[in-house]
Amino acid sequence: MGKSIASRFENIDIEKSVLLGVIINDDELTLDMDFCLDPAHVDYEAPGVDEEGCFHPGALKFAGITKLTLERAEGEAGGTNRRFAIHSFNIEGTRFDMSCEWGDIHLQARSIRVLTE
């Protein structure tokens, strides 16, 4: 049996992680992320002097989407910003909700995967 969604986020600080991009394909949605890793994470490396933490690229992949609402933020988030801070993040079963500088994302999907590179 696979890991639960919650266990896939062990040792990842979602509140400090950032969204890099949103990609929509048919019934799939990919959120490119820069995950902030806690020291207990297997890929953790001590941050440099000028770094705020250990960041590691990854993605959240949603497949078999049955409901999707994307509410793009207005103003500077739509400009040249390429790192969007996360304000709130919740996964319950097949439902996912996130509010960030990019905007709000609400969906329901058959498959939710957490990928790290």
PDB file of N, CA and C in Angstrom:
ATOM      1  N   MET A   1       0.849  -1.183   0.000  1.00  0.00           N
ATOM      2  CA  MET A   1       0.000   0.000   0.000  1.00  0.00           C
ATOM      3  C   MET A   1       0.893   1.244   0.000  1.00  0.00           C
ATOM      4  N   GLY A   2       0.492   2.279  -0.730  1.00  0.00           N
ATOM      5  CA  GLY A   2       1.269   3.508  -0.831  1.00  0.00           C
ATOM      6  C   GLY A   2       1.174   4.358   0.419  1.00  0.00           C
ATOM      7  N   LYS A   3       1.999   5.364   0.453  1.00  0.00           N
ATOM      8  CA  LYS A   3       1.987   6.290   1.574  1.00  0.00           C
ATOM      9  C   LYS A   3       0.738   7.157   1.527  1.00  0.00           C
ATOM     10  N   SER A   4       0.274   7.592   2.702  1.00  0.00           N
ATOM     11  CA  SER A   4      -0.838   8.534   2.741  1.00  0.00           C
ATOM     12  C   SER A   4      -0.337   9.898   2.265  1.00  0.00           C
ATOM     13  N   ILE A   5      -1.260  10.733   1.837  1.00  0.00           N
ATOM     14  CA  ILE A   5      -0.885  12.083   1.379  1.00  0.00           C
ATOM     15  C   ILE A   5      -0.157  12.833   2.489  1.00  0.00           C
ATOM     16  N   ALA A   6      -0.684  12.764   3.717  1.00  0.00           N
ATOM     17  CA  ALA A   6      -0.071  13.501   4.827  1.00  0.00           C
ATOM     18  C   ALA A   6       1.366  13.046   5.058  1.00  0.00           C
ATOM     19  N   SER A   7       1.632  11.750   4.973  1.00  0.00           N
ATOM     20  CA  SER A   7       2.987  11.261   5.219  1.00  0.00           C
ATOM     21  C   SER A   7       3.959  11.708   4.133  1.00  0.00           C
ATOM     22  N   ARG A   8       3.459  12.000   2.947  1.00  0.00           N
ATOM     23  CA  ARG A   8       4.330  12.468   1.868  1.00  0.00           C
ATOM     24  C   ARG A   8       4.854  13.874   2.127  1.00  0.00           C
ATOM     25  N   PHE A   9       4.211  14.584   3.050  1.00  0.00           N
ATOM     26  CA  PHE A   9       4.640  15.938   3.397  1.00  0.00           C
ATOM     27  C   PHE A   9       5.464  15.975   4.677  1.00  0.00           C
ATOM     28  N   GLU A  10       5.812  14.788   5.222  1.00  0.00           N
ATOM     29  CA  GLU A  10       6.656  14.758   6.403  1.00  0.00           C
ATOM     30  C   GLU A  10       7.973  15.445   6.088  1.00  0.00           C
ATOM     31  N   ASN A  11       8.392  16.282   7.003  1.00  0.00           N
ATOM     32  CA  ASN A  11       9.672  16.993   6.904  1.00  0.00           C
ATOM     33  C   ASN A  11       9.723  17.988   5.744  1.00  0.00           C
ATOM     34  N   ILE A  12       8.543  18.440   5.275  1.00  0.00           N
ATOM     35  CA  ILE A  12       8.442  19.519   4.296  1.00  0.00           C
ATOM     36  C   ILE A  12       7.636  20.635   4.952  1.00  0.00           C
ATOM     37  N   ASP A  13       8.202  21.823   5.002  1.00  0.00           N
ATOM     38  CA  ASP A  13       7.521  22.971   5.594  1.00  0.00           C
ATOM     39  C   ASP A  13       6.733  23.685   4.490  1.00  0.00           C
ATOM     40  N   ILE A  14       5.454  23.336   4.362  1.00  0.00           N
ATOM     41  CA  ILE A  14       4.622  23.878   3.284  1.00  0.00           C
ATOM     42  C   ILE A  14       4.478  25.401   3.408  1.00  0.00           C
ATOM     43  N   GLU A  15       4.355  25.918   4.615  1.00  0.00           N
ATOM     44  CA  GLU A  15       4.169  27.360   4.787  1.00  0.00           C
ATOM     45  C   GLU A  15       5.364  28.169   4.273  1.00  0.00           C
ATOM     46  N   LYS A  16       6.548  27.582   4.286  1.00  0.00           N
ATOM     47  CA  LYS A  16       7.741  28.264   3.773  1.00  0.00           C
ATOM     48  C   LYS A  16       8.045  27.897   2.325  1.00  0.00           C
ATOM     49  N   SER A  17       7.386  26.861   1.816  1.00  0.00           N
ATOM     50  CA  SER A  17       7.568  26.457   0.418  1.00  0.00           C
ATOM     51  C   SER A  17       6.930  27.496  -0.490  1.00  0.00           C
ATOM     52  N   VAL A  18       7.272  27.466  -1.778  1.00  0.00           N
ATOM     53  CA  VAL A  18       6.711  28.437  -2.712  1.00  0.00           C
ATOM     54  C   VAL A  18       6.218  27.737  -3.977  1.00  0.00           C
ATOM     55  N   LEU A  19       5.200  28.337  -4.572  1.00  0.00           N
ATOM     56  CA  LEU A  19       4.665  27.888  -5.854  1.00  0.00           C
ATOM     57  C   LEU A  19       5.456  28.581  -6.955  1.00  0.00           C
ATOM     58  N   LEU A  20       5.895  27.799  -7.947  1.00  0.00           N
ATOM     59  CA  LEU A  20       6.650  28.358  -9.068  1.00  0.00           C
ATOM     60  C   LEU A  20       5.813  28.469 -10.338  1.00  0.00           C
ATOM     61  N   GLY A  21       4.804  27.611 -10.491  1.00  0.00           N
ATOM     62  CA  GLY A  21       4.005  27.656 -11.701  1.00  0.00           C
ATOM     63  C   GLY A  21       2.817  26.710 -11.643  1.00  0.00           C
ATOM     64  N   VAL A  22       1.841  26.990 -12.497  1.00  0.00           N
ATOM     65  CA  VAL A  22       0.619  26.190 -12.606  1.00  0.00           C
ATOM     66  C   VAL A  22       0.493  25.734 -14.049  1.00  0.00           C
ATOM     67  N   ILE A  23       0.394  24.412 -14.258  1.00  0.00           N
ATOM     68  CA  ILE A  23       0.295  23.842 -15.603  1.00  0.00           C
ATOM     69  C   ILE A  23      -0.979  23.007 -15.674  1.00  0.00           C
ATOM     70  N   ILE A  24      -1.829  23.306 -16.658  1.00  0.00           N
ATOM     71  CA  ILE A  24      -3.087  22.580 -16.833  1.00  0.00           C
ATOM     72  C   ILE A  24      -3.030  21.798 -18.136  1.00  0.00           C
ATOM     73  N   ASN A  25      -3.332  20.480 -18.061  1.00  0.00           N
ATOM     74  CA  ASN A  25      -3.398  19.596 -19.227  1.00  0.00           C
ATOM     75  C   ASN A  25      -4.617  18.697 -19.078  1.00  0.00           C
ATOM     76  N   ASP A  26      -5.581  18.811 -19.980  1.00  0.00           N
ATOM     77  CA  ASP A  26      -6.772  17.965 -19.973  1.00  0.00           C
ATOM     78  C   ASP A  26      -7.355  17.868 -18.561  1.00  0.00           C
ATOM     79  N   ASP A  27      -7.325  16.666 -17.969  1.00  0.00           N
ATOM     80  CA  ASP A  27      -7.881  16.512 -16.621  1.00  0.00           C
ATOM     81  C   ASP A  27      -6.777  16.420 -15.576  1.00  0.00           C
ATOM     82  N   GLU A  28      -5.616  17.038 -15.872  1.00  0.00           N
ATOM     83  CA  GLU A  28      -4.487  17.046 -14.942  1.00  0.00           C
ATOM     84  C   GLU A  28      -4.071  18.485 -14.628  1.00  0.00           C
ATOM     85  N   LEU A  29      -3.569  18.658 -13.418  1.00  0.00           N
ATOM     86  CA  LEU A  29      -3.025  19.943 -12.990  1.00  0.00           C
ATOM     87  C   LEU A  29      -1.697  19.650 -12.293  1.00  0.00           C
ATOM     88  N   THR A  30      -0.667  20.399 -12.652  1.00  0.00           N
ATOM     89  CA  THR A  30       0.638  20.269 -12.015  1.00  0.00           C
ATOM     90  C   THR A  30       1.000  21.604 -11.388  1.00  0.00           C
ATOM     91  N   LEU A  31       1.389  21.564 -10.124  1.00  0.00           N
ATOM     92  CA  LEU A  31       1.887  22.748  -9.443  1.00  0.00           C
ATOM     93  C   LEU A  31       3.380  22.557  -9.248  1.00  0.00           C
ATOM     94  N   ASP A  32       4.172  23.341  -9.971  1.00  0.00           N
ATOM     95  CA  ASP A  32       5.621  23.302  -9.784  1.00  0.00           C
ATOM     96  C   ASP A  32       5.933  24.013  -8.475  1.00  0.00           C
ATOM     97  N   MET A  33       6.720  23.352  -7.643  1.00  0.00           N
ATOM     98  CA  MET A  33       6.969  23.860  -6.301  1.00  0.00           C
ATOM     99  C   MET A  33       8.463  23.945  -6.018  1.00  0.00           C
ATOM    100  N   ASP A  34       8.793  24.753  -5.051  1.00  0.00           N
ATOM    101  CA  ASP A  34      10.110  24.764  -4.445  1.00  0.00           C
ATOM    102  C   ASP A  34       9.837  24.462  -2.975  1.00  0.00           C
ATOM    103  N   PHE A  35      10.000  23.178  -2.592  1.00  0.00           N
ATOM    104  CA  PHE A  35       9.675  22.748  -1.241  1.00  0.00           C
ATOM    105  C   PHE A  35      10.771  23.161  -0.270  1.00  0.00           C
ATOM    106  N   CYS A  36      10.363  23.679   0.891  1.00  0.00           N
ATOM    107  CA  CYS A  36      11.297  24.008   1.967  1.00  0.00           C
ATOM    108  C   CYS A  36      11.405  22.765   2.856  1.00  0.00           C
ATOM    109  N   LEU A  37      12.601  22.186   2.928  1.00  0.00           N
ATOM    110  CA  LEU A  37      12.798  20.938   3.666  1.00  0.00           C
ATOM    111  C   LEU A  37      13.229  21.197   5.106  1.00  0.00           C
ATOM    112  N   ASP A  38      12.649  20.415   6.011  1.00  0.00           N
ATOM    113  CA  ASP A  38      13.061  20.435   7.413  1.00  0.00           C
ATOM    114  C   ASP A  38      14.354  19.640   7.554  1.00  0.00           C
ATOM    115  N   PRO A  39      15.130  19.884   8.613  1.00  0.00           N
ATOM    116  CA  PRO A  39      16.396  19.168   8.797  1.00  0.00           C
ATOM    117  C   PRO A  39      16.268  17.641   8.815  1.00  0.00           C
ATOM    118  N   ALA A  40      15.128  17.097   9.179  1.00  0.00           N
ATOM    119  CA  ALA A  40      14.959  15.640   9.232  1.00  0.00           C
ATOM    120  C   ALA A  40      14.701  15.017   7.858  1.00  0.00           C
ATOM    121  N   HIS A  41      14.494  15.829   6.821  1.00  0.00           N
ATOM    122  CA  HIS A  41      14.230  15.301   5.479  1.00  0.00           C
ATOM    123  C   HIS A  41      15.509  14.690   4.914  1.00  0.00           C
ATOM    124  N   VAL A  42      15.364  13.590   4.187  1.00  0.00           N
ATOM    125  CA  VAL A  42      16.511  12.862   3.636  1.00  0.00           C
ATOM    126  C   VAL A  42      17.343  13.711   2.661  1.00  0.00           C
ATOM    127  N   ASP A  43      16.725  14.670   1.961  1.00  0.00           N
ATOM    128  CA  ASP A  43      17.437  15.503   0.986  1.00  0.00           C
ATOM    129  C   ASP A  43      17.888  16.847   1.561  1.00  0.00           C
ATOM    130  N   TYR A  44      17.739  17.037   2.868  1.00  0.00           N
ATOM    131  CA  TYR A  44      18.081  18.315   3.488  1.00  0.00           C
ATOM    132  C   TYR A  44      19.582  18.591   3.399  1.00  0.00           C
ATOM    133  N   GLU A  45      19.895  19.837   3.072  1.00  0.00           N
ATOM    134  CA  GLU A  45      21.272  20.328   3.100  1.00  0.00           C
ATOM    135  C   GLU A  45      21.265  21.641   3.864  1.00  0.00           C
ATOM    136  N   ALA A  46      22.254  21.857   4.692  1.00  0.00           N
ATOM    137  CA  ALA A  46      22.317  23.094   5.475  1.00  0.00           C
ATOM    138  C   ALA A  46      22.339  24.289   4.527  1.00  0.00           C
ATOM    139  N   PRO A  47      21.482  25.289   4.793  1.00  0.00           N
ATOM    140  CA  PRO A  47      21.457  26.467   3.915  1.00  0.00           C
ATOM    141  C   PRO A  47      22.733  27.290   4.047  1.00  0.00           C
ATOM    142  N   GLY A  48      23.049  28.000   2.958  1.00  0.00           N
ATOM    143  CA  GLY A  48      24.200  28.893   2.962  1.00  0.00           C
ATOM    144  C   GLY A  48      23.943  30.117   3.818  1.00  0.00           C
ATOM    145  N   VAL A  49      24.933  30.948   3.958  1.00  0.00           N
ATOM    146  CA  VAL A  49      24.856  32.134   4.810  1.00  0.00           C
ATOM    147  C   VAL A  49      23.694  33.047   4.419  1.00  0.00           C
ATOM    148  N   ASP A  50      23.487  33.271   3.126  1.00  0.00           N
ATOM    149  CA  ASP A  50      22.452  34.192   2.665  1.00  0.00           C
ATOM    150  C   ASP A  50      21.125  33.500   2.352  1.00  0.00           C
ATOM    151  N   GLU A  51      20.998  32.212   2.644  1.00  0.00           N
ATOM    152  CA  GLU A  51      19.783  31.472   2.324  1.00  0.00           C
ATOM    153  C   GLU A  51      18.886  31.340   3.549  1.00  0.00           C
ATOM    154  N   GLU A  52      17.564  31.342   3.300  1.00  0.00           N
ATOM    155  CA  GLU A  52      16.589  31.284   4.388  1.00  0.00           C
ATOM    156  C   GLU A  52      16.196  29.862   4.750  1.00  0.00           C
ATOM    157  N   GLY A  53      16.648  28.886   3.999  1.00  0.00           N
ATOM    158  CA  GLY A  53      16.304  27.498   4.277  1.00  0.00           C
ATOM    159  C   GLY A  53      16.791  26.611   3.154  1.00  0.00           C
ATOM    160  N   CYS A  54      16.526  25.316   3.299  1.00  0.00           N
ATOM    161  CA  CYS A  54      16.890  24.353   2.265  1.00  0.00           C
ATOM    162  C   CYS A  54      15.693  24.156   1.342  1.00  0.00           C
ATOM    163  N   PHE A  55      15.810  24.606   0.116  1.00  0.00           N
ATOM    164  CA  PHE A  55      14.727  24.468  -0.857  1.00  0.00           C
ATOM    165  C   PHE A  55      15.081  23.398  -1.874  1.00  0.00           C
ATOM    166  N   HIS A  56      14.062  22.615  -2.264  1.00  0.00           N
ATOM    167  CA  HIS A  56      14.255  21.483  -3.163  1.00  0.00           C
ATOM    168  C   HIS A  56      13.117  21.481  -4.186  1.00  0.00           C
ATOM    169  N   PRO A  57      13.425  21.412  -5.482  1.00  0.00           N
ATOM    170  CA  PRO A  57      12.362  21.440  -6.494  1.00  0.00           C
ATOM    171  C   PRO A  57      11.489  20.189  -6.438  1.00  0.00           C
ATOM    172  N   GLY A  58      10.225  20.384  -6.787  1.00  0.00           N
ATOM    173  CA  GLY A  58       9.290  19.271  -6.826  1.00  0.00           C
ATOM    174  C   GLY A  58       7.986  19.706  -7.456  1.00  0.00           C
ATOM    175  N   ALA A  59       6.971  18.878  -7.306  1.00  0.00           N
ATOM    176  CA  ALA A  59       5.675  19.188  -7.909  1.00  0.00           C
ATOM    177  C   ALA A  59       4.559  18.469  -7.173  1.00  0.00           C
ATOM    178  N   LEU A  60       3.388  19.043  -7.270  1.00  0.00           N
ATOM    179  CA  LEU A  60       2.152  18.380  -6.861  1.00  0.00           C
ATOM    180  C   LEU A  60       1.416  18.084  -8.152  1.00  0.00           C
ATOM    181  N   LYS A  61       1.070  16.816  -8.376  1.00  0.00           N
ATOM    182  CA  LYS A  61       0.374  16.418  -9.602  1.00  0.00           C
ATOM    183  C   LYS A  61      -0.995  15.881  -9.235  1.00  0.00           C
ATOM    184  N   PHE A  62      -1.994  16.433  -9.891  1.00  0.00           N
ATOM    185  CA  PHE A  62      -3.381  16.025  -9.678  1.00  0.00           C
ATOM    186  C   PHE A  62      -3.912  15.451 -10.984  1.00  0.00           C
ATOM    187  N   ALA A  63      -4.466  14.230 -10.934  1.00  0.00           N
ATOM    188  CA  ALA A  63      -5.013  13.583 -12.131  1.00  0.00           C
ATOM    189  C   ALA A  63      -6.457  13.177 -11.865  1.00  0.00           C
ATOM    190  N   GLY A  64      -7.218  13.049 -12.932  1.00  0.00           N
ATOM    191  CA  GLY A  64      -8.622  12.690 -12.794  1.00  0.00           C
ATOM    192  C   GLY A  64      -9.409  13.770 -12.077  1.00  0.00           C
ATOM    193  N   ILE A  65      -9.188  15.001 -12.472  1.00  0.00           N
ATOM    194  CA  ILE A  65      -9.850  16.130 -11.812  1.00  0.00           C
ATOM    195  C   ILE A  65     -11.332  16.133 -12.150  1.00  0.00           C
ATOM    196  N   THR A  66     -12.169  16.198 -11.100  1.00  0.00           N
ATOM    197  CA  THR A  66     -13.612  16.259 -11.298  1.00  0.00           C
ATOM    198  C   THR A  66     -14.164  17.650 -11.028  1.00  0.00           C
ATOM    199  N   LYS A  67     -13.463  18.441 -10.218  1.00  0.00           N
ATOM    200  CA  LYS A  67     -13.851  19.832  -9.948  1.00  0.00           C
ATOM    201  C   LYS A  67     -12.583  20.660  -9.898  1.00  0.00           C
ATOM    202  N   LEU A  68     -12.620  21.839 -10.518  1.00  0.00           N
ATOM    203  CA  LEU A  68     -11.452  22.716 -10.521  1.00  0.00           C
ATOM    204  C   LEU A  68     -11.886  24.165 -10.556  1.00  0.00           C
ATOM    205  N   THR A  69     -11.372  24.942  -9.608  1.00  0.00           N
ATOM    206  CA  THR A  69     -11.591  26.383  -9.578  1.00  0.00           C
ATOM    207  C   THR A  69     -10.243  27.054  -9.371  1.00  0.00           C
ATOM    208  N   LEU A  70      -9.867  27.889 -10.332  1.00  0.00           N
ATOM    209  CA  LEU A  70      -8.646  28.683 -10.231  1.00  0.00           C
ATOM    210  C   LEU A  70      -9.055  30.146 -10.196  1.00  0.00           C
ATOM    211  N   GLU A  71      -8.682  30.834  -9.146  1.00  0.00           N
ATOM    212  CA  GLU A  71      -8.996  32.258  -9.004  1.00  0.00           C
ATOM    213  C   GLU A  71      -7.678  33.007  -8.958  1.00  0.00           C
ATOM    214  N   ARG A  72      -7.257  33.525 -10.106  1.00  0.00           N
ATOM    215  CA  ARG A  72      -5.968  34.214 -10.228  1.00  0.00           C
ATOM    216  C   ARG A  72      -6.011  35.536  -9.472  1.00  0.00           C
ATOM    217  N   ALA A  73      -4.983  35.812  -8.689  1.00  0.00           N
ATOM    218  CA  ALA A  73      -4.893  37.061  -7.939  1.00  0.00           C
ATOM    219  C   ALA A  73      -4.660  38.221  -8.899  1.00  0.00           C
ATOM    220  N   GLU A  74      -5.161  39.360  -8.527  1.00  0.00           N
ATOM    221  CA  GLU A  74      -4.951  40.567  -9.330  1.00  0.00           C
ATOM    222  C   GLU A  74      -3.758  41.324  -8.783  1.00  0.00           C
ATOM    223  N   GLY A  75      -3.246  42.243  -9.566  1.00  0.00           N
ATOM    224  CA  GLY A  75      -2.157  43.098  -9.100  1.00  0.00           C
ATOM    225  C   GLY A  75      -0.798  42.517  -9.378  1.00  0.00           C
ATOM    226  N   GLU A  76       0.134  42.729  -8.434  1.00  0.00           N
ATOM    227  CA  GLU A  76       1.534  42.372  -8.664  1.00  0.00           C
ATOM    228  C   GLU A  76       1.770  40.879  -8.808  1.00  0.00           C
ATOM    229  N   ALA A  77       0.896  40.022  -8.284  1.00  0.00           N
ATOM    230  CA  ALA A  77       1.091  38.569  -8.430  1.00  0.00           C
ATOM    231  C   ALA A  77       1.010  38.151  -9.892  1.00  0.00           C
ATOM    232  N   GLY A  78       0.306  38.910 -10.711  1.00  0.00           N
ATOM    233  CA  GLY A  78       0.205  38.592 -12.126  1.00  0.00           C
ATOM    234  C   GLY A  78       1.341  39.174 -12.941  1.00  0.00           C
ATOM    235  N   GLY A  79       2.252  39.897 -12.309  1.00  0.00           N
ATOM    236  CA  GLY A  79       3.350  40.548 -13.014  1.00  0.00           C
ATOM    237  C   GLY A  79       4.531  39.629 -13.224  1.00  0.00           C
ATOM    238  N   THR A  80       5.710  40.097 -12.872  1.00  0.00           N
ATOM    239  CA  THR A  80       6.938  39.350 -13.146  1.00  0.00           C
ATOM    240  C   THR A  80       7.342  38.412 -12.014  1.00  0.00           C
ATOM    241  N   ASN A  81       6.580  38.364 -10.933  1.00  0.00           N
ATOM    242  CA  ASN A  81       6.892  37.488  -9.807  1.00  0.00           C
ATOM    243  C   ASN A  81       6.889  36.028 -10.251  1.00  0.00           C
ATOM    244  N   ARG A  82       7.903  35.272  -9.890  1.00  0.00           N
ATOM    245  CA  ARG A  82       7.994  33.859 -10.270  1.00  0.00           C
ATOM    246  C   ARG A  82       8.072  32.934  -9.066  1.00  0.00           C
ATOM    247  N   ARG A  83       7.965  33.482  -7.867  1.00  0.00           N
ATOM    248  CA  ARG A  83       7.941  32.697  -6.635  1.00  0.00           C
ATOM    249  C   ARG A  83       6.771  33.213  -5.805  1.00  0.00           C
ATOM    250  N   PHE A  84       5.773  32.369  -5.642  1.00  0.00           N
ATOM    251  CA  PHE A  84       4.542  32.793  -4.986  1.00  0.00           C
ATOM    252  C   PHE A  84       4.432  32.162  -3.599  1.00  0.00           C
ATOM    253  N   ALA A  85       4.414  32.996  -2.564  1.00  0.00           N
ATOM    254  CA  ALA A  85       4.304  32.523  -1.189  1.00  0.00           C
ATOM    255  C   ALA A  85       2.955  31.844  -0.964  1.00  0.00           C
ATOM    256  N   ILE A  86       2.959  30.831  -0.106  1.00  0.00           N
ATOM    257  CA  ILE A  86       1.741  30.089   0.217  1.00  0.00           C
ATOM    258  C   ILE A  86       1.157  30.645   1.510  1.00  0.00           C
ATOM    259  N   HIS A  87      -0.157  30.963   1.468  1.00  0.00           N
ATOM    260  CA  HIS A  87      -0.841  31.488   2.654  1.00  0.00           C
ATOM    261  C   HIS A  87      -1.556  30.372   3.415  1.00  0.00           C
ATOM    262  N   SER A  88      -2.229  29.480   2.690  1.00  0.00           N
ATOM    263  CA  SER A  88      -2.906  28.349   3.329  1.00  0.00           C
ATOM    264  C   SER A  88      -2.894  27.163   2.382  1.00  0.00           C
ATOM    265  N   PHE A  89      -2.922  25.964   2.968  1.00  0.00           N
ATOM    266  CA  PHE A  89      -2.745  24.738   2.209  1.00  0.00           C
ATOM    267  C   PHE A  89      -3.493  23.626   2.934  1.00  0.00           C
ATOM    268  N   ASN A  90      -4.371  22.895   2.212  1.00  0.00           N
ATOM    269  CA  ASN A  90      -5.131  21.832   2.858  1.00  0.00           C
ATOM    270  C   ASN A  90      -5.439  20.718   1.862  1.00  0.00           C
ATOM    271  N   ILE A  91      -5.177  19.475   2.279  1.00  0.00           N
ATOM    272  CA  ILE A  91      -5.577  18.306   1.515  1.00  0.00           C
ATOM    273  C   ILE A  91      -6.397  17.420   2.435  1.00  0.00           C
ATOM    274  N   GLU A  92      -7.616  17.088   1.991  1.00  0.00           N
ATOM    275  CA  GLU A  92      -8.477  16.165   2.732  1.00  0.00           C
ATOM    276  C   GLU A  92      -9.029  15.160   1.747  1.00  0.00           C
ATOM    277  N   GLY A  93      -8.557  13.926   1.830  1.00  0.00           N
ATOM    278  CA  GLY A  93      -9.006  12.895   0.896  1.00  0.00           C
ATOM    279  C   GLY A  93      -8.666  13.278  -0.528  1.00  0.00           C
ATOM    280  N   THR A  94      -9.698  13.475  -1.352  1.00  0.00           N
ATOM    281  CA  THR A  94      -9.491  13.836  -2.761  1.00  0.00           C
ATOM    282  C   THR A  94      -9.614  15.337  -3.009  1.00  0.00           C
ATOM    283  N   ARG A  95      -9.829  16.110  -1.945  1.00  0.00           N
ATOM    284  CA  ARG A  95      -9.981  17.569  -2.083  1.00  0.00           C
ATOM    285  C   ARG A  95      -8.680  18.282  -1.750  1.00  0.00           C
ATOM    286  N   PHE A  96      -8.415  19.358  -2.500  1.00  0.00           N
ATOM    287  CA  PHE A  96      -7.216  20.158  -2.308  1.00  0.00           C
ATOM    288  C   PHE A  96      -7.600  21.627  -2.374  1.00  0.00           C
ATOM    289  N   ASP A  97      -7.105  22.410  -1.421  1.00  0.00           N
ATOM    290  CA  ASP A  97      -7.339  23.858  -1.394  1.00  0.00           C
ATOM    291  C   ASP A  97      -6.030  24.549  -1.034  1.00  0.00           C
ATOM    292  N   MET A  98      -5.691  25.581  -1.809  1.00  0.00           N
ATOM    293  CA  MET A  98      -4.495  26.361  -1.521  1.00  0.00           C
ATOM    294  C   MET A  98      -4.760  27.817  -1.869  1.00  0.00           C
ATOM    295  N   SER A  99      -4.311  28.683  -0.976  1.00  0.00           N
ATOM    296  CA  SER A  99      -4.351  30.121  -1.223  1.00  0.00           C
ATOM    297  C   SER A  99      -2.908  30.607  -1.192  1.00  0.00           C
ATOM    298  N   CYS A 100      -2.526  31.362  -2.226  1.00  0.00           N
ATOM    299  CA  CYS A 100      -1.154  31.850  -2.301  1.00  0.00           C
ATOM    300  C   CYS A 100      -1.131  33.168  -3.069  1.00  0.00           C
ATOM    301  N   GLU A 101       0.040  33.760  -3.207  1.00  0.00           N
ATOM    302  CA  GLU A 101       0.164  35.017  -3.943  1.00  0.00           C
ATOM    303  C   GLU A 101      -0.278  34.873  -5.395  1.00  0.00           C
ATOM    304  N   TRP A 102      -0.163  33.683  -5.975  1.00  0.00           N
ATOM    305  CA  TRP A 102      -0.621  33.435  -7.345  1.00  0.00           C
ATOM    306  C   TRP A 102      -2.133  33.569  -7.438  1.00  0.00           C
ATOM    307  N   GLY A 103      -2.831  33.098  -6.393  1.00  0.00           N
ATOM    308  CA  GLY A 103      -4.290  33.103  -6.343  1.00  0.00           C
ATOM    309  C   GLY A 103      -4.785  31.927  -5.523  1.00  0.00           C
ATOM    310  N   ASP A 104      -6.050  31.565  -5.713  1.00  0.00           N
ATOM    311  CA  ASP A 104      -6.641  30.448  -4.981  1.00  0.00           C
ATOM    312  C   ASP A 104      -6.877  29.275  -5.919  1.00  0.00           C
ATOM    313  N   ILE A 105      -6.574  28.083  -5.419  1.00  0.00           N
ATOM    314  CA  ILE A 105      -6.742  26.854  -6.188  1.00  0.00           C
ATOM    315  C   ILE A 105      -7.593  25.901  -5.362  1.00  0.00           C
ATOM    316  N   HIS A 106      -8.701  25.439  -5.937  1.00  0.00           N
ATOM    317  CA  HIS A 106      -9.591  24.490  -5.274  1.00  0.00           C
ATOM    318  C   HIS A 106      -9.892  23.390  -6.282  1.00  0.00           C
ATOM    319  N   LEU A 107      -9.727  22.132  -5.853  1.00  0.00           N
ATOM    320  CA  LEU A 107     -10.017  21.047  -6.779  1.00  0.00           C
ATOM    321  C   LEU A 107     -10.355  19.764  -6.049  1.00  0.00           C
ATOM    322  N   GLN A 108     -10.881  18.846  -6.831  1.00  0.00           N
ATOM    323  CA  GLN A 108     -11.109  17.483  -6.378  1.00  0.00           C
ATOM    324  C   GLN A 108     -10.559  16.583  -7.471  1.00  0.00           C
ATOM    325  N   ALA A 109      -9.749  15.583  -7.072  1.00  0.00           N
ATOM    326  CA  ALA A 109      -9.081  14.729  -8.060  1.00  0.00           C
ATOM    327  C   ALA A 109      -8.984  13.295  -7.545  1.00  0.00           C
ATOM    328  N   ARG A 110      -8.952  12.360  -8.491  1.00  0.00           N
ATOM    329  CA  ARG A 110      -8.800  10.942  -8.110  1.00  0.00           C
ATOM    330  C   ARG A 110      -7.405  10.654  -7.599  1.00  0.00           C
ATOM    331  N   SER A 111      -6.402  11.346  -8.128  1.00  0.00           N
ATOM    332  CA  SER A 111      -5.011  11.076  -7.763  1.00  0.00           C
ATOM    333  C   SER A 111      -4.292  12.373  -7.390  1.00  0.00           C
ATOM    334  N   ILE A 112      -3.635  12.341  -6.239  1.00  0.00           N
ATOM    335  CA  ILE A 112      -2.811  13.465  -5.793  1.00  0.00           C
ATOM    336  C   ILE A 112      -1.445  12.897  -5.472  1.00  0.00           C
ATOM    337  N   ARG A 113      -0.418  13.357  -6.224  1.00  0.00           N
ATOM    338  CA  ARG A 113       0.934  12.853  -6.019  1.00  0.00           C
ATOM    339  C   ARG A 113       1.875  13.992  -5.625  1.00  0.00           C
ATOM    340  N   VAL A 114       2.793  13.688  -4.740  1.00  0.00           N
ATOM    341  CA  VAL A 114       3.841  14.623  -4.317  1.00  0.00           C
ATOM    342  C   VAL A 114       5.139  14.101  -4.900  1.00  0.00           C
ATOM    343  N   LEU A 115       5.778  14.910  -5.739  1.00  0.00           N
ATOM    344  CA  LEU A 115       7.010  14.492  -6.411  1.00  0.00           C
ATOM    345  C   LEU A 115       8.141  15.430  -6.017  1.00  0.00           C
ATOM    346  N   THR A 116       9.296  14.847  -5.722  1.00  0.00           N
ATOM    347  CA  THR A 116      10.480  15.661  -5.501  1.00  0.00           C
ATOM    348  C   THR A 116      11.545  15.194  -6.475  1.00  0.00           C
ATOM    349  N   GLU A 117      12.352  16.133  -6.919  1.00  0.00           N
ATOM    350  CA  GLU A 117      13.376  15.817  -7.928  1.00  0.00           C
ATOM    351  C   GLU A 117      14.673  15.429  -7.263  1.00  0.00           C
TER     352      GLU A 117
END
